[in-house]
Amino acid sequence: MKDFSAEIGYKTARSGGKGGQNVNKVETMVEARWPVATSQVFSEEEKAKLLQVLATKLNLEGILILRSSETRSQLENKQIVTRKMIALVNNSLIPKRPRLATRPSKAVKEKRLENKKRQSERKANRRRDWD
């Protein structure tokens, strides 16, 4: 698990939610920004994988942006967003196991066909005989 927290930039803003008048005065929402491509911690292969896996979460400049406004404390929100970002990036680097193709068992096939037959009979019994 690599720690790249030194490369993360932070930006604060006023957040909505709980806090009363405090919400209008204090910037407690924290936005963490991390440029994936310019990282010194990860190798080129790791950066390529991150850019591929996190493509939907990156902006046009290739910067990963996460926000947190869960608590009223700016410091706590900064810690939360840092933890989330580190976990997201490290989980993105874990290789996914390939799915093993399996076939349904004979019993499962028979059960499915039996249910289809039962449903067909049920619907057939609902039909009216117009003769």
N, C-alpha and C. Protein backbone atom coordinates (compact mmCIF):
# COMPACT_ATOMS: atom_id res chain seq x y z
N MET A 1 0.85 -1.17 0.00
CA MET A 1 0.00 0.00 0.00
C MET A 1 0.89 1.23 0.00
N LYS A 2 0.83 1.98 -1.09
CA LYS A 2 1.69 3.15 -1.22
C LYS A 2 1.01 4.40 -0.68
N ASP A 3 1.79 5.23 0.02
CA ASP A 3 1.27 6.47 0.57
C ASP A 3 1.76 7.63 -0.28
N PHE A 4 0.85 8.25 -0.99
CA PHE A 4 1.18 9.37 -1.87
C PHE A 4 0.53 10.65 -1.37
N SER A 5 0.22 10.70 -0.06
CA SER A 5 -0.51 11.84 0.49
C SER A 5 0.24 13.17 0.35
N ALA A 6 1.56 13.11 0.19
CA ALA A 6 2.32 14.36 0.01
C ALA A 6 2.03 15.00 -1.34
N GLU A 7 1.55 14.22 -2.31
CA GLU A 7 1.26 14.73 -3.65
C GLU A 7 -0.16 15.27 -3.79
N ILE A 8 -0.99 15.07 -2.76
CA ILE A 8 -2.39 15.50 -2.83
C ILE A 8 -2.49 16.98 -2.48
N GLY A 9 -3.20 17.72 -3.32
CA GLY A 9 -3.47 19.13 -3.05
C GLY A 9 -4.87 19.28 -2.49
N TYR A 10 -5.07 20.26 -1.61
CA TYR A 10 -6.36 20.43 -0.96
C TYR A 10 -6.92 21.82 -1.25
N LYS A 11 -8.23 21.88 -1.33
CA LYS A 11 -8.94 23.12 -1.56
C LYS A 11 -10.17 23.09 -0.65
N THR A 12 -10.50 24.20 -0.04
CA THR A 12 -11.65 24.21 0.86
C THR A 12 -12.75 25.11 0.29
N ALA A 13 -13.97 24.83 0.74
CA ALA A 13 -15.12 25.63 0.32
C ALA A 13 -16.19 25.51 1.41
N ARG A 14 -17.17 26.40 1.33
CA ARG A 14 -18.27 26.31 2.28
C ARG A 14 -19.12 25.11 1.91
N SER A 15 -19.53 24.37 2.93
CA SER A 15 -20.35 23.19 2.66
C SER A 15 -21.74 23.41 3.22
N GLY A 16 -22.71 22.72 2.62
CA GLY A 16 -24.08 22.78 3.11
C GLY A 16 -24.27 21.80 4.24
N GLY A 17 -25.49 21.62 4.63
CA GLY A 17 -25.78 20.64 5.66
C GLY A 17 -25.78 21.23 7.05
N LYS A 18 -25.52 20.38 8.05
CA LYS A 18 -25.59 20.79 9.46
C LYS A 18 -24.57 21.88 9.77
N GLY A 19 -24.86 22.68 10.76
CA GLY A 19 -23.90 23.67 11.19
C GLY A 19 -24.51 25.02 11.51
N GLY A 20 -25.76 25.23 11.12
CA GLY A 20 -26.42 26.51 11.43
C GLY A 20 -25.71 27.67 10.77
N GLN A 21 -25.52 28.75 11.53
CA GLN A 21 -24.87 29.94 10.98
C GLN A 21 -23.41 29.67 10.64
N ASN A 22 -22.83 28.67 11.28
CA ASN A 22 -21.43 28.32 11.04
C ASN A 22 -21.19 27.96 9.57
N VAL A 23 -22.21 27.36 8.93
CA VAL A 23 -22.09 26.93 7.53
C VAL A 23 -21.78 28.11 6.63
N ASN A 24 -22.37 29.27 6.93
CA ASN A 24 -22.21 30.44 6.09
C ASN A 24 -20.87 31.15 6.29
N LYS A 25 -20.15 30.79 7.36
CA LYS A 25 -18.91 31.51 7.68
C LYS A 25 -17.65 30.68 7.45
N VAL A 26 -17.72 29.38 7.71
CA VAL A 26 -16.52 28.56 7.76
C VAL A 26 -16.45 27.62 6.56
N GLU A 27 -15.26 27.51 5.98
CA GLU A 27 -15.06 26.61 4.85
C GLU A 27 -14.64 25.24 5.36
N THR A 28 -15.63 24.35 5.55
CA THR A 28 -15.32 23.04 6.12
C THR A 28 -15.26 21.94 5.06
N MET A 29 -15.86 22.14 3.89
CA MET A 29 -15.81 21.13 2.84
C MET A 29 -14.39 21.11 2.27
N VAL A 30 -13.83 19.90 2.12
CA VAL A 30 -12.47 19.77 1.61
C VAL A 30 -12.51 19.00 0.29
N GLU A 31 -11.79 19.53 -0.70
CA GLU A 31 -11.67 18.88 -2.00
C GLU A 31 -10.21 18.48 -2.17
N ALA A 32 -9.98 17.20 -2.39
CA ALA A 32 -8.62 16.70 -2.59
C ALA A 32 -8.39 16.49 -4.08
N ARG A 33 -7.24 16.95 -4.57
CA ARG A 33 -6.90 16.83 -5.99
C ARG A 33 -5.55 16.16 -6.12
N TRP A 34 -5.49 15.13 -6.98
CA TRP A 34 -4.24 14.41 -7.17
C TRP A 34 -4.01 14.17 -8.66
N PRO A 35 -2.96 14.77 -9.23
CA PRO A 35 -2.65 14.53 -10.64
C PRO A 35 -1.98 13.16 -10.81
N VAL A 36 -2.68 12.25 -11.43
CA VAL A 36 -2.21 10.87 -11.56
C VAL A 36 -0.95 10.79 -12.42
N ALA A 37 -0.96 11.46 -13.56
CA ALA A 37 0.13 11.31 -14.53
C ALA A 37 1.47 11.85 -14.03
N THR A 38 1.45 12.84 -13.15
CA THR A 38 2.71 13.45 -12.69
C THR A 38 3.19 12.88 -11.36
N SER A 39 2.60 11.80 -10.89
CA SER A 39 2.97 11.22 -9.60
C SER A 39 4.40 10.66 -9.64
N GLN A 40 5.14 10.88 -8.56
CA GLN A 40 6.50 10.37 -8.42
C GLN A 40 6.53 9.04 -7.68
N VAL A 41 5.43 8.69 -7.02
CA VAL A 41 5.37 7.49 -6.18
C VAL A 41 5.15 6.23 -7.01
N PHE A 42 4.36 6.33 -8.06
CA PHE A 42 3.98 5.16 -8.84
C PHE A 42 4.80 5.04 -10.11
N SER A 43 4.99 3.80 -10.56
CA SER A 43 5.72 3.54 -11.81
C SER A 43 4.82 3.87 -13.00
N GLU A 44 5.39 3.88 -14.19
CA GLU A 44 4.63 4.20 -15.41
C GLU A 44 3.53 3.17 -15.65
N GLU A 45 3.80 1.89 -15.39
CA GLU A 45 2.80 0.84 -15.58
C GLU A 45 1.63 1.05 -14.61
N GLU A 46 1.96 1.37 -13.35
CA GLU A 46 0.92 1.60 -12.35
C GLU A 46 0.09 2.83 -12.72
N LYS A 47 0.74 3.87 -13.20
CA LYS A 47 0.01 5.08 -13.60
C LYS A 47 -0.92 4.79 -14.77
N ALA A 48 -0.44 3.99 -15.73
CA ALA A 48 -1.29 3.62 -16.88
C ALA A 48 -2.52 2.85 -16.42
N LYS A 49 -2.31 1.92 -15.47
CA LYS A 49 -3.44 1.14 -14.94
C LYS A 49 -4.41 2.04 -14.20
N LEU A 50 -3.88 2.97 -13.40
CA LEU A 50 -4.74 3.90 -12.66
C LEU A 50 -5.55 4.77 -13.62
N LEU A 51 -4.91 5.27 -14.67
CA LEU A 51 -5.62 6.11 -15.64
C LEU A 51 -6.74 5.32 -16.31
N GLN A 52 -6.53 4.04 -16.52
CA GLN A 52 -7.54 3.19 -17.15
C GLN A 52 -8.69 2.88 -16.18
N VAL A 53 -8.33 2.47 -14.97
CA VAL A 53 -9.35 2.04 -14.00
C VAL A 53 -10.16 3.23 -13.47
N LEU A 54 -9.49 4.35 -13.23
CA LEU A 54 -10.16 5.52 -12.65
C LEU A 54 -10.62 6.52 -13.71
N ALA A 55 -10.71 6.10 -14.96
CA ALA A 55 -11.04 7.01 -16.06
C ALA A 55 -12.33 7.79 -15.81
N THR A 56 -13.33 7.16 -15.21
CA THR A 56 -14.61 7.84 -14.99
C THR A 56 -14.55 8.85 -13.85
N LYS A 57 -13.53 8.76 -13.01
CA LYS A 57 -13.41 9.65 -11.86
C LYS A 57 -12.42 10.80 -12.10
N LEU A 58 -11.74 10.79 -13.24
CA LEU A 58 -10.75 11.82 -13.54
C LEU A 58 -11.38 12.93 -14.37
N ASN A 59 -10.86 14.16 -14.18
CA ASN A 59 -11.33 15.24 -15.04
C ASN A 59 -10.51 15.26 -16.33
N LEU A 60 -10.72 16.24 -17.18
CA LEU A 60 -10.06 16.28 -18.49
C LEU A 60 -8.54 16.40 -18.40
N GLU A 61 -8.04 17.00 -17.32
CA GLU A 61 -6.59 17.15 -17.13
C GLU A 61 -5.95 15.91 -16.51
N GLY A 62 -6.75 14.89 -16.19
CA GLY A 62 -6.23 13.67 -15.58
C GLY A 62 -6.01 13.81 -14.09
N ILE A 63 -6.82 14.65 -13.44
CA ILE A 63 -6.70 14.88 -12.00
C ILE A 63 -7.86 14.18 -11.29
N LEU A 64 -7.52 13.38 -10.30
CA LEU A 64 -8.52 12.70 -9.48
C LEU A 64 -9.01 13.67 -8.42
N ILE A 65 -10.32 13.89 -8.36
CA ILE A 65 -10.89 14.84 -7.42
C ILE A 65 -11.91 14.12 -6.55
N LEU A 66 -11.75 14.24 -5.23
CA LEU A 66 -12.71 13.71 -4.25
C LEU A 66 -13.05 14.82 -3.27
N ARG A 67 -14.30 14.80 -2.80
CA ARG A 67 -14.76 15.83 -1.85
C ARG A 67 -15.30 15.18 -0.59
N SER A 68 -15.22 15.90 0.52
CA SER A 68 -15.81 15.44 1.76
C SER A 68 -16.36 16.62 2.53
N SER A 69 -17.62 16.50 2.94
CA SER A 69 -18.23 17.51 3.81
C SER A 69 -19.06 16.80 4.87
N GLU A 70 -18.55 15.65 5.32
CA GLU A 70 -19.28 14.82 6.27
C GLU A 70 -19.37 15.42 7.66
N THR A 71 -18.31 16.09 8.09
CA THR A 71 -18.30 16.63 9.45
C THR A 71 -18.22 18.15 9.42
N ARG A 72 -18.33 18.75 10.59
CA ARG A 72 -18.23 20.20 10.69
C ARG A 72 -16.79 20.69 10.79
N SER A 73 -15.88 19.75 10.93
CA SER A 73 -14.47 20.10 11.10
C SER A 73 -13.72 19.96 9.78
N GLN A 74 -13.00 21.00 9.41
CA GLN A 74 -12.20 20.97 8.18
C GLN A 74 -11.10 19.91 8.28
N LEU A 75 -10.46 19.81 9.43
CA LEU A 75 -9.38 18.85 9.62
C LEU A 75 -9.89 17.41 9.48
N GLU A 76 -11.05 17.12 10.09
CA GLU A 76 -11.62 15.77 9.97
C GLU A 76 -11.98 15.47 8.52
N ASN A 77 -12.57 16.44 7.82
CA ASN A 77 -12.92 16.23 6.42
C ASN A 77 -11.67 16.00 5.57
N LYS A 78 -10.58 16.68 5.92
CA LYS A 78 -9.32 16.49 5.19
C LYS A 78 -8.78 15.07 5.40
N GLN A 79 -8.86 14.59 6.63
CA GLN A 79 -8.41 13.23 6.93
C GLN A 79 -9.29 12.19 6.24
N ILE A 80 -10.61 12.43 6.22
CA ILE A 80 -11.55 11.51 5.59
C ILE A 80 -11.27 11.41 4.09
N VAL A 81 -11.13 12.56 3.43
CA VAL A 81 -10.94 12.56 1.98
C VAL A 81 -9.57 11.98 1.62
N THR A 82 -8.57 12.17 2.45
CA THR A 82 -7.25 11.58 2.21
C THR A 82 -7.32 10.06 2.30
N ARG A 83 -7.99 9.56 3.35
CA ARG A 83 -8.15 8.11 3.51
C ARG A 83 -8.90 7.50 2.33
N LYS A 84 -9.98 8.18 1.92
CA LYS A 84 -10.78 7.68 0.79
C LYS A 84 -9.95 7.61 -0.48
N MET A 85 -9.16 8.65 -0.73
CA MET A 85 -8.37 8.70 -1.96
C MET A 85 -7.30 7.62 -1.96
N ILE A 86 -6.59 7.46 -0.85
CA ILE A 86 -5.54 6.44 -0.77
C ILE A 86 -6.15 5.05 -0.94
N ALA A 87 -7.29 4.80 -0.30
CA ALA A 87 -7.95 3.49 -0.42
C ALA A 87 -8.41 3.25 -1.86
N LEU A 88 -9.00 4.26 -2.49
CA LEU A 88 -9.49 4.12 -3.86
C LEU A 88 -8.35 3.80 -4.82
N VAL A 89 -7.24 4.51 -4.70
CA VAL A 89 -6.10 4.31 -5.60
C VAL A 89 -5.46 2.94 -5.36
N ASN A 90 -5.23 2.59 -4.10
CA ASN A 90 -4.60 1.30 -3.81
C ASN A 90 -5.49 0.12 -4.20
N ASN A 91 -6.83 0.26 -4.05
CA ASN A 91 -7.73 -0.81 -4.47
C ASN A 91 -7.79 -0.92 -5.99
N SER A 92 -7.55 0.19 -6.68
CA SER A 92 -7.56 0.17 -8.14
C SER A 92 -6.36 -0.58 -8.70
N LEU A 93 -5.29 -0.68 -7.93
CA LEU A 93 -4.08 -1.36 -8.39
C LEU A 93 -4.11 -2.86 -8.15
N ILE A 94 -5.07 -3.33 -7.35
CA ILE A 94 -5.17 -4.77 -7.07
C ILE A 94 -5.71 -5.45 -8.32
N PRO A 95 -4.98 -6.43 -8.85
CA PRO A 95 -5.47 -7.10 -10.07
C PRO A 95 -6.74 -7.88 -9.81
N LYS A 96 -7.69 -7.77 -10.72
CA LYS A 96 -8.95 -8.49 -10.61
C LYS A 96 -8.75 -9.93 -11.08
N ARG A 97 -9.30 -10.88 -10.33
CA ARG A 97 -9.20 -12.28 -10.72
C ARG A 97 -10.12 -12.53 -11.90
N PRO A 98 -9.65 -13.26 -12.89
CA PRO A 98 -10.52 -13.54 -14.03
C PRO A 98 -11.66 -14.48 -13.62
N ARG A 99 -12.82 -14.27 -14.23
CA ARG A 99 -13.97 -15.09 -13.91
C ARG A 99 -13.81 -16.45 -14.57
N LEU A 100 -14.05 -17.50 -13.80
CA LEU A 100 -13.99 -18.85 -14.32
C LEU A 100 -15.34 -19.21 -14.91
N ALA A 101 -15.37 -19.58 -16.17
CA ALA A 101 -16.62 -19.95 -16.81
C ALA A 101 -17.10 -21.29 -16.25
N THR A 102 -18.34 -21.34 -15.84
CA THR A 102 -18.91 -22.58 -15.30
C THR A 102 -20.19 -22.89 -16.05
N ARG A 103 -20.60 -24.15 -15.99
CA ARG A 103 -21.84 -24.57 -16.63
C ARG A 103 -22.85 -24.90 -15.55
N PRO A 104 -24.14 -24.64 -15.84
CA PRO A 104 -25.16 -25.02 -14.86
C PRO A 104 -25.25 -26.54 -14.74
N SER A 105 -25.50 -27.01 -13.53
CA SER A 105 -25.57 -28.45 -13.30
C SER A 105 -26.86 -29.03 -13.90
N LYS A 106 -26.90 -30.31 -14.02
CA LYS A 106 -28.05 -30.99 -14.60
C LYS A 106 -29.30 -30.74 -13.76
N ALA A 107 -29.15 -30.78 -12.43
CA ALA A 107 -30.28 -30.56 -11.53
C ALA A 107 -30.86 -29.15 -11.70
N VAL A 108 -29.99 -28.16 -11.89
CA VAL A 108 -30.44 -26.78 -12.06
C VAL A 108 -31.20 -26.63 -13.37
N LYS A 109 -30.71 -27.27 -14.43
CA LYS A 109 -31.39 -27.24 -15.73
C LYS A 109 -32.78 -27.86 -15.63
N GLU A 110 -32.86 -29.03 -14.97
CA GLU A 110 -34.13 -29.72 -14.82
C GLU A 110 -35.12 -28.89 -14.00
N LYS A 111 -34.62 -28.26 -12.95
CA LYS A 111 -35.48 -27.44 -12.11
C LYS A 111 -36.04 -26.25 -12.90
N ARG A 112 -35.19 -25.63 -13.72
CA ARG A 112 -35.62 -24.50 -14.53
C ARG A 112 -36.70 -24.93 -15.53
N LEU A 113 -36.48 -26.07 -16.19
CA LEU A 113 -37.46 -26.57 -17.15
C LEU A 113 -38.77 -26.95 -16.47
N GLU A 114 -38.68 -27.53 -15.28
CA GLU A 114 -39.89 -27.89 -14.53
C GLU A 114 -40.68 -26.64 -14.15
N ASN A 115 -39.98 -25.58 -13.72
CA ASN A 115 -40.66 -24.33 -13.39
C ASN A 115 -41.32 -23.72 -14.62
N LYS A 116 -40.64 -23.80 -15.77
CA LYS A 116 -41.22 -23.28 -17.01
C LYS A 116 -42.49 -24.04 -17.37
N LYS A 117 -42.44 -25.37 -17.22
CA LYS A 117 -43.60 -26.20 -17.54
C LYS A 117 -44.77 -25.87 -16.62
N ARG A 118 -44.49 -25.73 -15.33
CA ARG A 118 -45.52 -25.42 -14.34
C ARG A 118 -46.16 -24.06 -14.64
N GLN A 119 -45.33 -23.07 -14.98
CA GLN A 119 -45.83 -21.73 -15.30
C GLN A 119 -46.69 -21.77 -16.57
N SER A 120 -46.27 -22.56 -17.55
CA SER A 120 -47.01 -22.71 -18.80
C SER A 120 -48.40 -23.31 -18.54
N GLU A 121 -48.43 -24.35 -17.71
CA GLU A 121 -49.71 -24.98 -17.37
C GLU A 121 -50.62 -24.00 -16.65
N ARG A 122 -50.07 -23.25 -15.74
CA ARG A 122 -50.83 -22.26 -14.99
C ARG A 122 -51.52 -21.27 -15.94
N LYS A 123 -50.74 -20.76 -16.90
CA LYS A 123 -51.27 -19.79 -17.85
C LYS A 123 -52.27 -20.44 -18.81
N ALA A 124 -52.01 -21.69 -19.19
CA ALA A 124 -52.93 -22.40 -20.08
C ALA A 124 -54.28 -22.61 -19.40
N ASN A 125 -54.27 -22.87 -18.10
CA ASN A 125 -55.52 -23.08 -17.35
C ASN A 125 -56.32 -21.79 -17.22
N ARG A 126 -55.70 -20.65 -17.36
CA ARG A 126 -56.41 -19.37 -17.27
C ARG A 126 -57.16 -19.06 -18.56
N ARG A 127 -56.74 -19.66 -19.66
CA ARG A 127 -57.37 -19.37 -20.96
C ARG A 127 -58.79 -19.87 -20.97
N ARG A 128 -59.63 -19.11 -21.70
CA ARG A 128 -61.02 -19.50 -21.86
C ARG A 128 -61.18 -20.32 -23.12
N ASP A 129 -62.08 -21.24 -23.08
CA ASP A 129 -62.37 -22.00 -24.29
C ASP A 129 -63.57 -21.34 -24.96
N TRP A 130 -63.38 -20.71 -26.11
CA TRP A 130 -64.41 -19.91 -26.77
C TRP A 130 -65.33 -20.74 -27.65
N ASP A 131 -65.17 -22.02 -27.71
CA ASP A 131 -66.00 -22.85 -28.58
C ASP A 131 -67.36 -23.10 -28.00
